[in-house]
Amino acid sequence: MKDPKDPGNEPRDPRLSNIRSFIDRIDSRIIELLQERAGLAQEIGLVKKKLGIPIQDPGREGKIRDKLASGAKGPMDADALVRIYEVIMAESRRLQEED
């Protein structure tokens, strides 16, 4: 039976609610970890500026891509993980470039 109050107008099933609840908790953890990572990226940016070294480190980024490619065990393949990390690394570089 569909719930007319549900904006998605999906069938009511407690399994969906339970699974979505788990996803919501995971999303909260992901956000917390991304914010923690962002703070560390800012610290790295300060150190790099003091040392006079470039913000972008292709060697480091390559190692991250390699780790993703070899560690993709699950429903999400390595290409998908790399695409997600491309955005994370781009945002990390942006934070490092800020004053």
N, C-alpha and C. Protein backbone atom coordinates (compact mmCIF):
# COMPACT_ATOMS: atom_id res chain seq x y z
N MET A 1 0.83 -1.18 0.00
CA MET A 1 0.00 0.00 0.00
C MET A 1 0.88 1.24 0.00
N LYS A 2 0.50 2.21 -0.81
CA LYS A 2 1.27 3.45 -0.90
C LYS A 2 0.78 4.43 0.15
N ASP A 3 1.72 5.19 0.67
CA ASP A 3 1.40 6.20 1.67
C ASP A 3 1.26 7.54 0.96
N PRO A 4 0.06 8.14 0.95
CA PRO A 4 -0.12 9.41 0.23
C PRO A 4 0.66 10.56 0.85
N LYS A 5 1.09 10.42 2.11
CA LYS A 5 1.87 11.47 2.77
C LYS A 5 3.35 11.38 2.44
N ASP A 6 3.78 10.25 1.88
CA ASP A 6 5.18 10.04 1.52
C ASP A 6 5.45 10.79 0.23
N PRO A 7 6.39 11.78 0.26
CA PRO A 7 6.66 12.55 -0.96
C PRO A 7 7.12 11.69 -2.13
N GLY A 8 7.79 10.59 -1.83
CA GLY A 8 8.23 9.69 -2.89
C GLY A 8 7.12 8.74 -3.31
N ASN A 9 6.05 8.74 -2.53
CA ASN A 9 4.90 7.88 -2.79
C ASN A 9 5.32 6.43 -3.01
N GLU A 10 6.24 5.97 -2.17
CA GLU A 10 6.73 4.60 -2.26
C GLU A 10 5.90 3.70 -1.37
N PRO A 11 5.89 2.42 -1.67
CA PRO A 11 5.19 1.49 -0.79
C PRO A 11 5.82 1.52 0.60
N ARG A 12 4.98 1.41 1.63
CA ARG A 12 5.50 1.37 3.00
C ARG A 12 6.03 -0.02 3.28
N ASP A 13 7.24 -0.08 3.73
CA ASP A 13 7.84 -1.37 4.08
C ASP A 13 8.88 -1.07 5.13
N PRO A 14 8.79 -1.70 6.28
CA PRO A 14 9.75 -1.42 7.35
C PRO A 14 11.19 -1.72 6.95
N ARG A 15 11.39 -2.60 6.00
CA ARG A 15 12.76 -2.89 5.55
C ARG A 15 13.40 -1.65 4.95
N LEU A 16 12.63 -0.89 4.17
CA LEU A 16 13.17 0.34 3.57
C LEU A 16 13.57 1.33 4.66
N SER A 17 12.72 1.50 5.65
CA SER A 17 13.03 2.42 6.75
C SER A 17 14.28 1.98 7.50
N ASN A 18 14.39 0.69 7.76
CA ASN A 18 15.56 0.19 8.49
C ASN A 18 16.85 0.39 7.68
N ILE A 19 16.80 0.04 6.42
CA ILE A 19 17.99 0.19 5.58
C ILE A 19 18.36 1.66 5.46
N ARG A 20 17.37 2.52 5.25
CA ARG A 20 17.65 3.97 5.13
C ARG A 20 18.20 4.54 6.43
N SER A 21 17.75 4.01 7.55
CA SER A 21 18.28 4.45 8.83
C SER A 21 19.77 4.12 8.94
N PHE A 22 20.15 2.91 8.50
CA PHE A 22 21.58 2.54 8.47
C PHE A 22 22.36 3.46 7.54
N ILE A 23 21.79 3.73 6.37
CA ILE A 23 22.46 4.62 5.41
C ILE A 23 22.63 6.01 6.00
N ASP A 24 21.61 6.51 6.69
CA ASP A 24 21.71 7.84 7.32
C ASP A 24 22.84 7.88 8.34
N ARG A 25 22.98 6.82 9.12
CA ARG A 25 24.07 6.78 10.11
C ARG A 25 25.43 6.72 9.42
N ILE A 26 25.52 5.95 8.36
CA ILE A 26 26.78 5.88 7.60
C ILE A 26 27.10 7.24 6.98
N ASP A 27 26.08 7.90 6.42
CA ASP A 27 26.29 9.23 5.83
C ASP A 27 26.82 10.21 6.86
N SER A 28 26.29 10.14 8.08
CA SER A 28 26.78 11.03 9.15
C SER A 28 28.25 10.76 9.45
N ARG A 29 28.62 9.49 9.47
CA ARG A 29 30.03 9.15 9.71
C ARG A 29 30.91 9.62 8.56
N ILE A 30 30.43 9.45 7.32
CA ILE A 30 31.20 9.90 6.16
C ILE A 30 31.43 11.40 6.23
N ILE A 31 30.38 12.17 6.56
CA ILE A 31 30.52 13.62 6.66
C ILE A 31 31.53 13.99 7.74
N GLU A 32 31.44 13.33 8.88
CA GLU A 32 32.39 13.60 9.97
C GLU A 32 33.83 13.31 9.53
N LEU A 33 34.03 12.19 8.85
CA LEU A 33 35.38 11.84 8.40
C LEU A 33 35.87 12.79 7.30
N LEU A 34 34.98 13.21 6.41
CA LEU A 34 35.39 14.16 5.37
C LEU A 34 35.80 15.49 5.99
N GLN A 35 35.08 15.93 7.01
CA GLN A 35 35.44 17.19 7.68
C GLN A 35 36.79 17.04 8.40
N GLU A 36 37.00 15.89 9.01
CA GLU A 36 38.29 15.64 9.67
C GLU A 36 39.42 15.64 8.64
N ARG A 37 39.18 14.99 7.52
CA ARG A 37 40.18 14.94 6.44
C ARG A 37 40.46 16.35 5.91
N ALA A 38 39.41 17.15 5.79
CA ALA A 38 39.56 18.52 5.29
C ALA A 38 40.43 19.35 6.23
N GLY A 39 40.25 19.18 7.52
CA GLY A 39 41.08 19.90 8.48
C GLY A 39 42.54 19.51 8.37
N LEU A 40 42.78 18.22 8.15
CA LEU A 40 44.16 17.76 7.97
C LEU A 40 44.75 18.30 6.67
N ALA A 41 43.92 18.37 5.63
CA ALA A 41 44.39 18.93 4.36
C ALA A 41 44.81 20.39 4.54
N GLN A 42 44.05 21.13 5.35
CA GLN A 42 44.44 22.52 5.62
C GLN A 42 45.78 22.58 6.33
N GLU A 43 46.00 21.70 7.28
CA GLU A 43 47.29 21.66 7.98
C GLU A 43 48.42 21.35 7.02
N ILE A 44 48.19 20.39 6.12
CA ILE A 44 49.20 20.04 5.11
C ILE A 44 49.51 21.26 4.25
N GLY A 45 48.46 22.01 3.88
CA GLY A 45 48.67 23.21 3.08
C GLY A 45 49.58 24.21 3.77
N LEU A 46 49.39 24.40 5.06
CA LEU A 46 50.25 25.32 5.81
C LEU A 46 51.70 24.86 5.80
N VAL A 47 51.90 23.57 6.01
CA VAL A 47 53.26 23.02 6.02
C VAL A 47 53.89 23.17 4.63
N LYS A 48 53.15 22.85 3.60
CA LYS A 48 53.69 22.96 2.23
C LYS A 48 54.07 24.41 1.91
N LYS A 49 53.24 25.35 2.34
CA LYS A 49 53.55 26.76 2.08
C LYS A 49 54.83 27.17 2.80
N LYS A 50 54.99 26.73 4.05
CA LYS A 50 56.19 27.06 4.80
C LYS A 50 57.43 26.46 4.16
N LEU A 51 57.28 25.26 3.60
CA LEU A 51 58.40 24.59 2.97
C LEU A 51 58.62 25.04 1.52
N GLY A 52 57.66 25.79 0.99
CA GLY A 52 57.78 26.26 -0.39
C GLY A 52 57.61 25.17 -1.42
N ILE A 53 56.81 24.16 -1.10
CA ILE A 53 56.60 23.07 -2.06
C ILE A 53 55.20 23.18 -2.67
N PRO A 54 55.02 22.64 -3.86
CA PRO A 54 53.72 22.76 -4.54
C PRO A 54 52.60 22.07 -3.76
N ILE A 55 51.42 22.62 -3.91
CA ILE A 55 50.24 22.04 -3.27
C ILE A 55 49.93 20.68 -3.87
N GLN A 56 49.89 20.60 -5.19
CA GLN A 56 49.55 19.33 -5.83
C GLN A 56 50.76 18.40 -5.80
N ASP A 57 50.49 17.16 -5.39
CA ASP A 57 51.53 16.14 -5.30
C ASP A 57 51.07 14.94 -6.13
N PRO A 58 51.41 14.92 -7.42
CA PRO A 58 50.95 13.83 -8.29
C PRO A 58 51.36 12.44 -7.80
N GLY A 59 52.53 12.34 -7.19
CA GLY A 59 52.98 11.05 -6.67
C GLY A 59 52.06 10.54 -5.57
N ARG A 60 51.71 11.41 -4.65
CA ARG A 60 50.80 11.05 -3.55
C ARG A 60 49.42 10.68 -4.10
N GLU A 61 48.93 11.48 -5.04
CA GLU A 61 47.62 11.21 -5.62
C GLU A 61 47.62 9.88 -6.39
N GLY A 62 48.73 9.58 -7.05
CA GLY A 62 48.85 8.30 -7.75
C GLY A 62 48.81 7.13 -6.79
N LYS A 63 49.47 7.28 -5.64
CA LYS A 63 49.45 6.21 -4.63
C LYS A 63 48.03 5.99 -4.11
N ILE A 64 47.29 7.07 -3.93
CA ILE A 64 45.91 6.94 -3.47
C ILE A 64 45.08 6.19 -4.51
N ARG A 65 45.25 6.56 -5.79
CA ARG A 65 44.51 5.87 -6.86
C ARG A 65 44.88 4.39 -6.91
N ASP A 66 46.17 4.08 -6.77
CA ASP A 66 46.61 2.69 -6.78
C ASP A 66 45.99 1.91 -5.62
N LYS A 67 45.95 2.53 -4.45
CA LYS A 67 45.37 1.88 -3.27
C LYS A 67 43.88 1.61 -3.51
N LEU A 68 43.21 2.57 -4.12
CA LEU A 68 41.79 2.37 -4.42
C LEU A 68 41.59 1.24 -5.41
N ALA A 69 42.43 1.19 -6.43
CA ALA A 69 42.30 0.17 -7.47
C ALA A 69 42.53 -1.23 -6.90
N SER A 70 43.46 -1.35 -5.96
CA SER A 70 43.76 -2.68 -5.43
C SER A 70 42.87 -3.06 -4.26
N GLY A 71 42.22 -2.08 -3.67
CA GLY A 71 41.43 -2.36 -2.47
C GLY A 71 39.93 -2.35 -2.69
N ALA A 72 39.49 -2.31 -3.94
CA ALA A 72 38.05 -2.25 -4.21
C ALA A 72 37.43 -3.63 -4.06
N LYS A 73 36.92 -3.88 -2.88
CA LYS A 73 36.28 -5.16 -2.61
C LYS A 73 34.86 -4.87 -2.15
N GLY A 74 33.92 -5.05 -3.02
CA GLY A 74 32.53 -4.77 -2.69
C GLY A 74 31.77 -4.39 -3.94
N PRO A 75 30.55 -3.92 -3.77
CA PRO A 75 29.73 -3.62 -4.93
C PRO A 75 30.20 -2.41 -5.74
N MET A 76 30.99 -1.53 -5.13
CA MET A 76 31.47 -0.35 -5.86
C MET A 76 32.83 -0.67 -6.45
N ASP A 77 32.95 -0.53 -7.76
CA ASP A 77 34.22 -0.87 -8.41
C ASP A 77 35.26 0.23 -8.24
N ALA A 78 36.48 -0.09 -8.60
CA ALA A 78 37.61 0.83 -8.42
C ALA A 78 37.40 2.14 -9.18
N ASP A 79 36.83 2.09 -10.38
CA ASP A 79 36.61 3.32 -11.15
C ASP A 79 35.68 4.27 -10.41
N ALA A 80 34.63 3.73 -9.80
CA ALA A 80 33.70 4.57 -9.04
C ALA A 80 34.40 5.20 -7.84
N LEU A 81 35.20 4.41 -7.14
CA LEU A 81 35.94 4.94 -5.99
C LEU A 81 36.92 6.02 -6.41
N VAL A 82 37.60 5.82 -7.52
CA VAL A 82 38.54 6.82 -8.01
C VAL A 82 37.80 8.12 -8.35
N ARG A 83 36.64 8.02 -8.99
CA ARG A 83 35.87 9.23 -9.31
C ARG A 83 35.49 10.00 -8.05
N ILE A 84 35.09 9.28 -7.02
CA ILE A 84 34.74 9.94 -5.76
C ILE A 84 35.98 10.61 -5.16
N TYR A 85 37.09 9.91 -5.17
CA TYR A 85 38.31 10.46 -4.59
C TYR A 85 38.89 11.61 -5.41
N GLU A 86 38.62 11.63 -6.70
CA GLU A 86 39.06 12.78 -7.51
C GLU A 86 38.45 14.06 -6.96
N VAL A 87 37.18 14.01 -6.60
CA VAL A 87 36.51 15.18 -6.03
C VAL A 87 37.08 15.49 -4.65
N ILE A 88 37.29 14.48 -3.84
CA ILE A 88 37.85 14.69 -2.50
C ILE A 88 39.24 15.33 -2.60
N MET A 89 40.07 14.82 -3.50
CA MET A 89 41.43 15.37 -3.64
C MET A 89 41.40 16.79 -4.19
N ALA A 90 40.48 17.06 -5.12
CA ALA A 90 40.37 18.42 -5.66
C ALA A 90 39.96 19.40 -4.55
N GLU A 91 39.04 18.99 -3.71
CA GLU A 91 38.63 19.86 -2.60
C GLU A 91 39.75 20.01 -1.58
N SER A 92 40.52 18.97 -1.37
CA SER A 92 41.67 19.06 -0.46
C SER A 92 42.69 20.06 -0.99
N ARG A 93 42.95 20.01 -2.30
CA ARG A 93 43.90 20.98 -2.89
C ARG A 93 43.36 22.40 -2.74
N ARG A 94 42.05 22.56 -2.97
CA ARG A 94 41.45 23.89 -2.85
C ARG A 94 41.63 24.42 -1.42
N LEU A 95 41.40 23.57 -0.43
CA LEU A 95 41.58 23.99 0.97
C LEU A 95 43.03 24.32 1.27
N GLN A 96 43.94 23.56 0.69
CA GLN A 96 45.37 23.81 0.92
C GLN A 96 45.82 25.13 0.32
N GLU A 97 45.18 25.55 -0.75
CA GLU A 97 45.56 26.79 -1.43
C GLU A 97 45.04 28.02 -0.72
N GLU A 98 44.03 27.85 0.13
CA GLU A 98 43.47 29.00 0.85
C GLU A 98 44.50 29.52 1.86
N ASP A 99 44.40 30.79 2.14
CA ASP A 99 45.31 31.40 3.13
C ASP A 99 44.84 31.19 4.52
